[in-house]
Protein backbone atom coordinates (compact mmCIF):
# COMPACT_ATOMS: atom_id res chain seq x y z
CA UNK A 1 182.16 229.40 316.19
CA UNK A 2 181.96 226.27 318.40
CA UNK A 3 185.13 224.18 318.73
CA UNK A 4 185.66 221.67 315.97
CA UNK A 5 185.50 217.96 316.84
CA UNK A 6 188.62 215.82 316.32
CA UNK A 7 189.48 215.14 312.66
CA UNK A 8 188.70 211.42 312.90
CA UNK A 9 185.26 212.29 314.29
CA UNK A 10 184.43 214.51 311.35
CA UNK A 11 185.86 211.96 308.93
CA UNK A 12 183.72 209.18 310.34
CA UNK A 13 180.46 211.04 309.96
CA UNK A 14 181.30 212.74 306.69
CA UNK A 15 182.42 209.49 305.08
CA UNK A 16 179.08 207.95 305.94
CA UNK A 17 177.26 210.89 304.47
CA UNK A 18 179.36 210.39 301.35
CA UNK A 19 177.69 207.03 300.77
CA UNK A 20 174.22 208.51 301.16
CA UNK A 21 174.88 211.80 299.38
CA UNK A 22 173.25 210.57 296.19
CA UNK A 23 170.33 209.40 298.30
CA UNK A 24 169.79 212.94 299.44
CA UNK A 25 169.16 213.98 295.86
CA UNK A 26 166.68 211.17 295.51
CA UNK A 27 165.04 212.02 298.81
CA UNK A 28 164.53 215.54 297.59
CA UNK A 29 162.85 214.19 294.49
CA UNK A 30 160.58 211.95 296.57
CA UNK A 31 159.56 214.40 299.22
CA UNK A 32 159.45 217.51 297.19
CA UNK A 33 157.25 219.01 294.58
CA UNK A 34 159.43 218.56 291.49
CA UNK A 35 161.99 216.14 290.17
CA UNK A 36 165.16 218.19 290.22
CA UNK A 37 167.04 218.20 286.98
CA UNK A 38 168.03 214.54 287.29
CA UNK A 39 170.06 214.42 284.08
CA UNK A 40 171.89 217.66 284.81
CA UNK A 41 172.80 216.55 288.32
CA UNK A 42 174.39 213.39 287.00
CA UNK A 43 176.44 215.37 284.47
CA UNK A 44 177.64 218.28 286.60
CA UNK A 45 180.20 218.10 289.36
CA UNK A 46 178.53 218.74 292.70
CA UNK A 47 181.64 219.70 294.63
CA UNK A 48 182.02 223.49 294.68
CA UNK A 49 185.02 224.80 292.78
CA UNK A 50 184.84 228.19 294.48
CA UNK A 51 186.85 229.24 297.50
CA UNK A 52 185.31 228.73 300.90
CA UNK A 53 183.92 232.00 302.22
CA UNK A 54 183.76 232.30 305.99
CA UNK A 55 180.20 233.06 306.98
CA UNK A 56 179.45 236.06 309.11
CA UNK A 57 178.22 234.97 312.49
CA UNK A 58 174.49 235.31 312.92
CA UNK A 59 173.37 238.14 315.13
CA UNK A 60 173.24 237.11 318.76
CA UNK A 61 169.45 237.26 318.82
CA UNK A 62 168.94 235.85 315.30
CA UNK A 63 166.82 232.89 316.43
CA UNK A 64 164.45 235.14 318.32
CA UNK A 65 162.97 235.86 314.89
CA UNK A 66 160.17 233.35 314.12
CA UNK A 67 161.21 233.54 310.45
CA UNK A 68 164.42 231.65 311.37
CA UNK A 69 162.36 228.55 312.13
CA UNK A 70 160.43 226.21 309.89
CA UNK A 71 158.63 225.00 313.00
CA UNK A 72 158.23 226.49 316.45
CA UNK A 73 155.36 227.29 318.80
CA UNK A 74 152.94 229.80 317.36
CA UNK A 75 153.35 228.91 313.67
CA UNK A 76 149.81 227.51 313.51
CA UNK A 77 148.66 226.31 310.10
CA UNK A 78 151.99 227.38 308.61
CA UNK A 79 153.93 224.86 310.70
CA UNK A 80 154.92 221.90 308.49
CA UNK A 81 155.85 219.69 311.44
CA UNK A 82 152.27 219.85 312.71
CA UNK A 83 150.92 217.99 309.69
CA UNK A 84 148.97 214.85 310.60
CA UNK A 85 148.54 212.57 307.57
CA UNK A 86 145.33 210.57 307.41
CA UNK A 87 145.20 206.79 307.48
CA UNK A 88 144.50 205.24 304.11
CA UNK A 89 140.79 205.55 303.27
CA UNK A 90 140.09 208.18 305.94
CA UNK A 91 140.31 211.31 303.80
CA UNK A 92 142.55 214.35 304.25
CA UNK A 93 144.97 214.76 307.13
CA UNK A 94 145.26 217.77 309.43
CA UNK A 95 147.97 220.25 310.19
CA UNK A 96 148.84 223.37 312.11
CA UNK A 97 146.64 224.25 315.03
CA UNK A 98 144.63 221.01 314.84
CA UNK A 99 147.71 218.84 315.37
CA UNK A 100 149.09 221.19 318.02
CA UNK A 101 145.81 220.93 319.90
CA UNK A 102 146.02 217.13 319.69
CA UNK A 103 149.46 217.30 321.31
CA UNK A 104 147.85 218.97 324.32
CA UNK A 105 145.77 215.85 325.06
CA UNK A 106 145.83 215.09 328.78
CA UNK A 107 147.21 211.60 328.14
CA UNK A 108 150.23 212.91 326.22
CA UNK A 109 153.19 213.99 328.35
CA UNK A 110 154.63 217.41 327.68
CA UNK A 111 157.92 217.42 325.80
CA UNK A 112 159.88 219.50 323.31
CA UNK A 113 161.50 218.33 320.06
CA UNK A 114 164.52 219.85 318.32
CA UNK A 115 164.56 218.55 314.74
CA UNK A 116 167.35 219.12 312.17
CA UNK A 117 166.37 218.64 308.52
CA UNK A 118 168.56 216.86 305.92
CA UNK A 119 170.50 218.54 303.12
CA UNK A 120 168.33 220.51 300.72
CA UNK A 121 170.96 222.82 299.13
CA UNK A 122 172.33 221.22 295.94
CA UNK A 123 174.24 224.04 294.30
CA UNK A 124 177.98 223.97 293.58
CA UNK A 125 178.55 227.73 293.64
CA UNK A 126 178.84 227.93 297.43
CA UNK A 127 179.92 225.66 300.27
CA UNK A 128 176.99 226.68 302.46
CA UNK A 129 173.41 227.35 301.45
CA UNK A 130 172.22 230.92 302.01
CA UNK A 131 169.01 231.39 303.91
CA UNK A 132 167.49 233.34 301.03
CA UNK A 133 167.92 230.47 298.54
CA UNK A 134 164.24 229.89 297.78
CA UNK A 135 164.45 226.43 296.20
CA UNK A 136 166.46 224.84 298.98
CA UNK A 137 164.29 226.43 301.65
CA UNK A 138 161.12 225.12 300.01
CA UNK A 139 162.64 221.65 299.84
CA UNK A 140 163.67 221.81 303.48
CA UNK A 141 160.16 222.83 304.49
CA UNK A 142 158.75 219.75 302.76
CA UNK A 143 161.39 217.58 304.44
CA UNK A 144 160.20 218.88 307.79
CA UNK A 145 156.62 218.10 306.77
CA UNK A 146 157.45 214.51 305.85
CA UNK A 147 159.83 213.71 308.71
CA UNK A 148 159.43 216.02 311.70
CA UNK A 149 155.66 215.49 311.57
CA UNK A 150 156.27 212.05 313.11
CA UNK A 151 156.98 213.97 316.34
CA UNK A 152 153.77 215.98 316.23
CA UNK A 153 152.54 214.71 319.60
CA UNK A 154 155.11 217.01 321.20
CA UNK A 155 154.02 220.09 323.10
CA UNK A 156 156.65 222.06 321.20
CA UNK A 157 158.48 221.29 317.94
CA UNK A 158 161.41 223.46 316.91
CA UNK A 159 163.03 222.98 313.48
CA UNK A 160 165.57 225.69 312.65
CA UNK A 161 166.60 227.09 309.32
CA UNK A 162 170.37 226.98 309.01
CA UNK A 163 173.12 227.63 306.49
CA UNK A 164 173.61 223.98 305.70
CA UNK A 165 176.65 222.46 304.05
CA UNK A 166 175.98 221.88 300.37
CA UNK A 167 175.43 218.41 298.96
CA UNK A 168 178.86 218.42 297.35
CA UNK A 169 180.57 218.84 300.72
CA UNK A 170 179.87 215.16 301.35
CA UNK A 171 181.64 214.08 298.17
CA UNK A 172 185.13 215.34 298.93
CA UNK A 173 187.92 215.20 301.49
CA UNK A 174 188.84 218.82 300.80
CA UNK A 175 189.32 220.92 303.95
CA UNK A 176 186.57 223.23 302.73
CA UNK A 177 184.07 220.43 303.38
CA UNK A 178 184.93 220.35 307.07
CA UNK A 179 184.75 224.12 307.22
CA UNK A 180 181.29 224.03 305.62
CA UNK A 181 180.07 221.52 308.20
CA UNK A 182 181.57 223.59 311.02
CA UNK A 183 179.78 226.65 309.68
CA UNK A 184 176.46 224.82 309.45
CA UNK A 185 176.89 223.49 312.96
CA UNK A 186 177.54 227.01 314.27
CA UNK A 187 174.00 227.93 313.23
CA UNK A 188 172.58 224.72 314.71
CA UNK A 189 174.43 225.38 317.95
CA UNK A 190 172.99 228.89 318.21
CA UNK A 191 169.49 227.62 317.40
CA UNK A 192 169.77 224.89 320.02
CA UNK A 193 170.85 227.38 322.70
CA UNK A 194 167.80 229.51 321.94
CA UNK A 195 165.58 226.42 321.97
CA UNK A 196 166.85 225.41 325.43
CA UNK A 197 166.38 228.94 326.77
CA UNK A 198 162.84 229.11 325.37
CA UNK A 199 161.27 225.89 326.63
CA UNK A 200 160.17 225.22 330.23
CA UNK A 201 163.14 224.27 332.40
CA UNK A 202 161.53 221.03 333.56
CA UNK A 203 160.43 219.86 330.09
CA UNK A 204 162.08 216.72 328.64
CA UNK A 205 163.89 217.12 325.33
CA UNK A 206 163.94 214.99 322.18
CA UNK A 207 166.68 215.62 319.58
CA UNK A 208 166.25 214.21 316.08
CA UNK A 209 167.72 214.58 312.60
CA UNK A 210 168.34 212.69 309.37
CA UNK A 211 171.48 212.56 307.15
CA UNK A 212 173.16 215.97 307.58
CA UNK A 213 170.63 216.50 310.34
CA UNK A 214 171.83 213.26 311.93
CA UNK A 215 175.42 214.50 311.77
CA UNK A 216 174.45 217.64 313.68
CA UNK A 217 172.36 215.61 316.13
CA UNK A 218 175.39 213.51 317.05
CA UNK A 219 177.55 216.62 317.28
CA UNK A 220 175.11 218.29 319.67
CA UNK A 221 175.29 215.24 321.90
CA UNK A 222 179.09 215.22 322.02
CA UNK A 223 179.68 218.99 321.99
CA UNK A 224 176.90 220.52 324.08
CA UNK A 225 175.23 217.79 326.11
CA UNK A 226 177.64 215.04 327.13
CA UNK A 227 178.68 215.42 330.75
CA UNK A 228 176.29 218.32 331.44
CA UNK A 229 173.12 218.50 333.55
CA UNK A 230 171.18 219.22 330.37
CA UNK A 231 171.82 215.66 329.19
CA UNK A 232 169.58 214.47 332.03
CA UNK A 233 166.64 216.08 330.24
CA UNK A 234 167.17 214.19 326.98
CA UNK A 235 164.41 211.59 326.80
CA UNK A 236 165.71 210.16 323.51
CA UNK A 237 167.96 211.10 320.58
CA UNK A 238 167.24 209.94 317.02
CA UNK A 239 170.25 210.44 314.68
CA UNK A 240 168.33 208.45 312.08
CA UNK A 241 170.29 206.81 309.27
CA UNK A 242 173.69 207.30 310.91
CA UNK A 243 175.81 204.14 311.39
CA UNK A 244 176.83 204.03 315.05
CA UNK A 245 179.36 201.46 316.20
CA UNK A 246 178.36 200.03 319.54
CA UNK A 247 182.02 199.70 320.51
CA UNK A 248 183.78 202.76 319.10
CA UNK A 249 181.01 205.37 318.69
CA UNK A 250 178.22 204.81 321.19
CA UNK A 251 180.30 205.42 324.35
CA UNK A 252 181.30 208.83 322.94
CA UNK A 253 177.68 209.98 322.73
CA UNK A 254 177.03 209.99 326.45
CA UNK A 255 173.81 207.95 326.16
CA UNK A 256 173.23 204.19 325.87
CA UNK A 257 171.37 202.55 323.00
CA UNK A 258 167.59 202.22 323.22
CA UNK A 259 167.53 198.53 324.04
CA UNK A 260 164.03 198.29 325.54
CA UNK A 261 160.65 199.81 324.68
CA UNK A 262 160.20 201.51 328.06
CA UNK A 263 163.74 202.92 328.21
CA UNK A 264 164.43 206.64 328.32
CA UNK A 265 167.62 208.65 327.97
CA UNK A 266 168.92 206.65 325.01
CA UNK A 267 169.93 206.73 321.34
CA UNK A 268 168.01 205.14 318.45
CA UNK A 269 169.26 204.86 314.87
CA UNK A 270 168.67 202.54 311.94
CA UNK A 271 169.45 202.08 308.23
CA UNK A 272 166.69 200.54 306.12
CA UNK A 273 167.21 198.02 303.31
CA UNK A 274 164.67 195.82 301.53
CA UNK A 275 165.62 192.29 300.51
CA UNK A 276 167.69 191.08 298.86
CA UNK A 277 169.90 193.76 300.38
CA UNK A 278 173.20 194.73 298.82
CA UNK A 279 175.01 196.37 301.72
CA UNK A 280 178.52 195.94 300.36
CA UNK A 281 179.44 199.59 299.83
CA UNK A 282 177.70 200.69 303.00
CA UNK A 283 179.64 198.21 305.13
CA UNK A 284 182.96 198.73 303.32
CA UNK A 285 182.94 202.43 304.06
CA UNK A 286 181.75 201.83 307.61
CA UNK A 287 184.66 199.44 308.20
CA UNK A 288 187.18 201.75 306.53
CA UNK A 289 186.43 204.82 308.67
CA UNK A 290 187.62 205.26 312.25
CA UNK A 291 185.24 205.36 315.15
CA UNK A 292 184.55 208.48 317.14
CA UNK A 293 187.14 207.37 319.68
CA UNK A 294 189.79 207.10 316.96
CA UNK A 295 189.85 203.30 316.96
CA UNK A 296 189.04 201.08 313.98
CA UNK A 297 185.37 200.26 313.50
CA UNK A 298 186.14 197.27 311.25
CA UNK A 299 183.99 194.33 312.25
CA UNK A 300 182.36 196.10 315.18
CA UNK A 301 178.57 195.74 315.51
CA UNK A 302 176.36 198.56 314.26
CA UNK A 303 173.57 199.85 316.46
CA UNK A 304 170.29 198.61 314.97
CA UNK A 305 167.12 199.96 316.53
CA UNK A 306 163.87 198.43 315.32
CA UNK A 307 161.04 201.02 315.38
CA UNK A 308 158.41 198.24 315.28
CA UNK A 309 159.63 196.54 318.46
CA UNK A 310 161.14 199.55 320.21
CA UNK A 311 164.26 197.49 320.94
CA UNK A 312 167.72 196.77 319.64
CA UNK A 313 168.04 193.80 317.31
CA UNK A 314 164.33 193.06 317.32
CA UNK A 315 162.09 191.45 314.73
CA UNK A 316 158.42 192.08 313.94
CA UNK A 317 156.01 191.25 311.13
CA UNK A 318 154.15 193.79 309.03
CA UNK A 319 151.14 193.55 311.33
CA UNK A 320 153.17 195.47 313.93
CA UNK A 321 153.62 198.42 311.56
CA UNK A 322 150.97 200.96 312.54
CA UNK A 323 151.45 203.21 309.55
CA UNK A 324 153.97 203.82 306.75
CA UNK A 325 153.82 207.29 305.22
CA UNK A 326 153.32 206.63 301.50
CA UNK A 327 153.85 209.74 299.34
CA UNK A 328 151.13 210.84 296.96
CA UNK A 329 151.62 211.44 293.26
CA UNK A 330 152.22 215.14 293.88
CA UNK A 331 155.16 214.23 296.16
CA UNK A 332 153.95 216.81 298.69
CA UNK A 333 151.14 214.80 300.26
CA UNK A 334 150.73 211.28 301.55
CA UNK A 335 148.73 208.85 303.61
CA UNK A 336 149.47 206.31 306.30
CA UNK A 337 149.18 202.66 305.31
CA UNK A 338 149.12 200.12 308.14
CA UNK A 339 150.83 196.75 307.80
CA UNK A 340 152.96 197.83 304.84
CA UNK A 341 156.37 196.51 305.90
CA UNK A 342 157.95 194.25 308.54
CA UNK A 343 161.34 194.96 310.10
CA UNK A 344 164.14 192.86 311.53
CA UNK A 345 167.66 193.72 312.55
CA UNK A 346 170.20 191.56 310.74
CA UNK A 347 172.67 190.43 313.42
CA UNK A 348 175.49 190.01 310.91
CA UNK A 349 175.35 193.50 309.40
CA UNK A 350 173.41 195.70 311.82
CA UNK A 351 171.10 196.67 308.96
CA UNK A 352 167.33 196.97 309.43
CA UNK A 353 165.75 194.67 306.83
CA UNK A 354 162.18 195.39 305.71
CA UNK A 355 161.39 192.30 303.62
CA UNK A 356 160.18 192.53 300.03
CA UNK A 357 160.64 196.00 298.50
CA UNK A 358 157.54 198.10 299.27
CA UNK A 359 156.20 200.38 296.55
CA UNK A 360 156.89 203.84 297.92
CA UNK A 361 157.87 205.42 294.62
CA UNK A 362 160.69 205.31 292.11
CA UNK A 363 163.48 206.68 294.27
CA UNK A 364 164.76 203.57 296.03
CA UNK A 365 168.55 203.34 295.86
CA UNK A 366 170.43 200.52 294.16
CA UNK A 367 170.84 197.53 296.41
CA UNK A 368 167.32 198.03 297.80
CA UNK A 369 168.59 200.84 300.01
CA UNK A 370 165.60 202.67 301.57
CA UNK A 371 167.62 205.37 303.34
CA UNK A 372 165.36 208.04 301.88
CA UNK A 373 162.40 206.44 303.67
CA UNK A 374 164.02 205.69 307.06
CA UNK A 375 161.44 207.78 308.92
CA UNK A 376 158.38 207.47 306.62
CA UNK A 377 158.61 203.65 306.71
CA UNK A 378 157.81 203.69 310.43
CA UNK A 379 156.06 207.04 310.77
CA UNK A 380 153.22 205.97 313.08
CA UNK A 381 155.36 203.66 315.22
CA UNK A 382 157.92 206.43 315.69
CA UNK A 383 155.12 208.78 316.69
CA UNK A 384 154.22 206.38 319.48
CA UNK A 385 157.80 205.44 320.36
CA UNK A 386 158.79 208.96 321.30
CA UNK A 387 155.74 209.37 323.56
CA UNK A 388 156.50 206.05 325.26
CA UNK A 389 160.07 207.12 326.00
CA UNK A 390 159.03 210.50 327.35
CA UNK A 391 156.58 208.73 329.66
CA UNK A 392 159.42 206.46 330.82
CA UNK A 393 161.62 209.51 331.41
CA UNK A 394 159.26 211.32 333.72
CA UNK A 395 159.09 209.02 336.77
CA UNK A 396 162.86 208.86 337.23
CA UNK A 397 163.38 212.61 337.35
CA UNK A 398 163.66 214.46 340.66
CA UNK A 399 160.54 216.28 341.74
């Protein structure tokens, strides 16, 4: 198992995920086929009461098996990340081979994406979700479809299956929670090593994840990439939804913030709230947890990347939004709606404000918190942003 990060590092990220843990349940309801026992989930304790069971290490060649990936080259029509939703009024979208062929357009630079899905295992009878748990795997597949598809201009998209920490692990300070996250990261680490060994050695890399996936994205940066030659191949990292202190966290990641549209080799993250925004709990917990360097984060500015401007602390009207992914009634489909929401970074809080609450469904969090929709809100702009940054990466690399 990879070495564990310092305790304050784990605490910082896990405490944030605590405040969005309930959002994960709502996200599952939005992005997935069924509403999941809403009343029961509110009545039952989500923290496992069972002992932590150390997972057997995966076989050394486990990720050679295509079945260990939701998305990877060769999946064709069965690859959820290759879905291309249609613009509103244009009929059905495309997926699989059609989207993969589009990524091979001569004007699109070649790049590879490693995407880590959010929590989809909700049970309280285990600290880590088994790979044969059908419900959680189906939910994760739909998460990949709704989120990783924003990166479908990539030459290669890799989204691993992994024995994720359960939802309840983000609701407790018990040592078992840290062990569950370490166990989940061990799978991610092995998948990432196989990903790196499998892609062309000169191909730029994009790393992205949301919620638990964002936690593992940050951990990859600090554990496997910082200070190594491989970091030079990272065109951009998107730990979406994670609060990153510019003073106490960002320097630990080994990459600067994405401050300009044409910048490569940088980090972009945001937390979406409609107005009026009640960010009290979000900011209280941010201020109460230590930074990744062990220092207090209280009062330090939060990294706010604006996907509509491609800059830090930017502001843009709804006309700059090229397409918000609005879910359909079946919660497994959707269409892109242009001009749906504006976005501006609030300088006082570091929150990305999106104006009046857009109608994306019934799963918006109290306080107008749109964490569930962080990626779908800006789906089309993110699709273009990653290509722009890969283009910016290429000219500065040695020939």
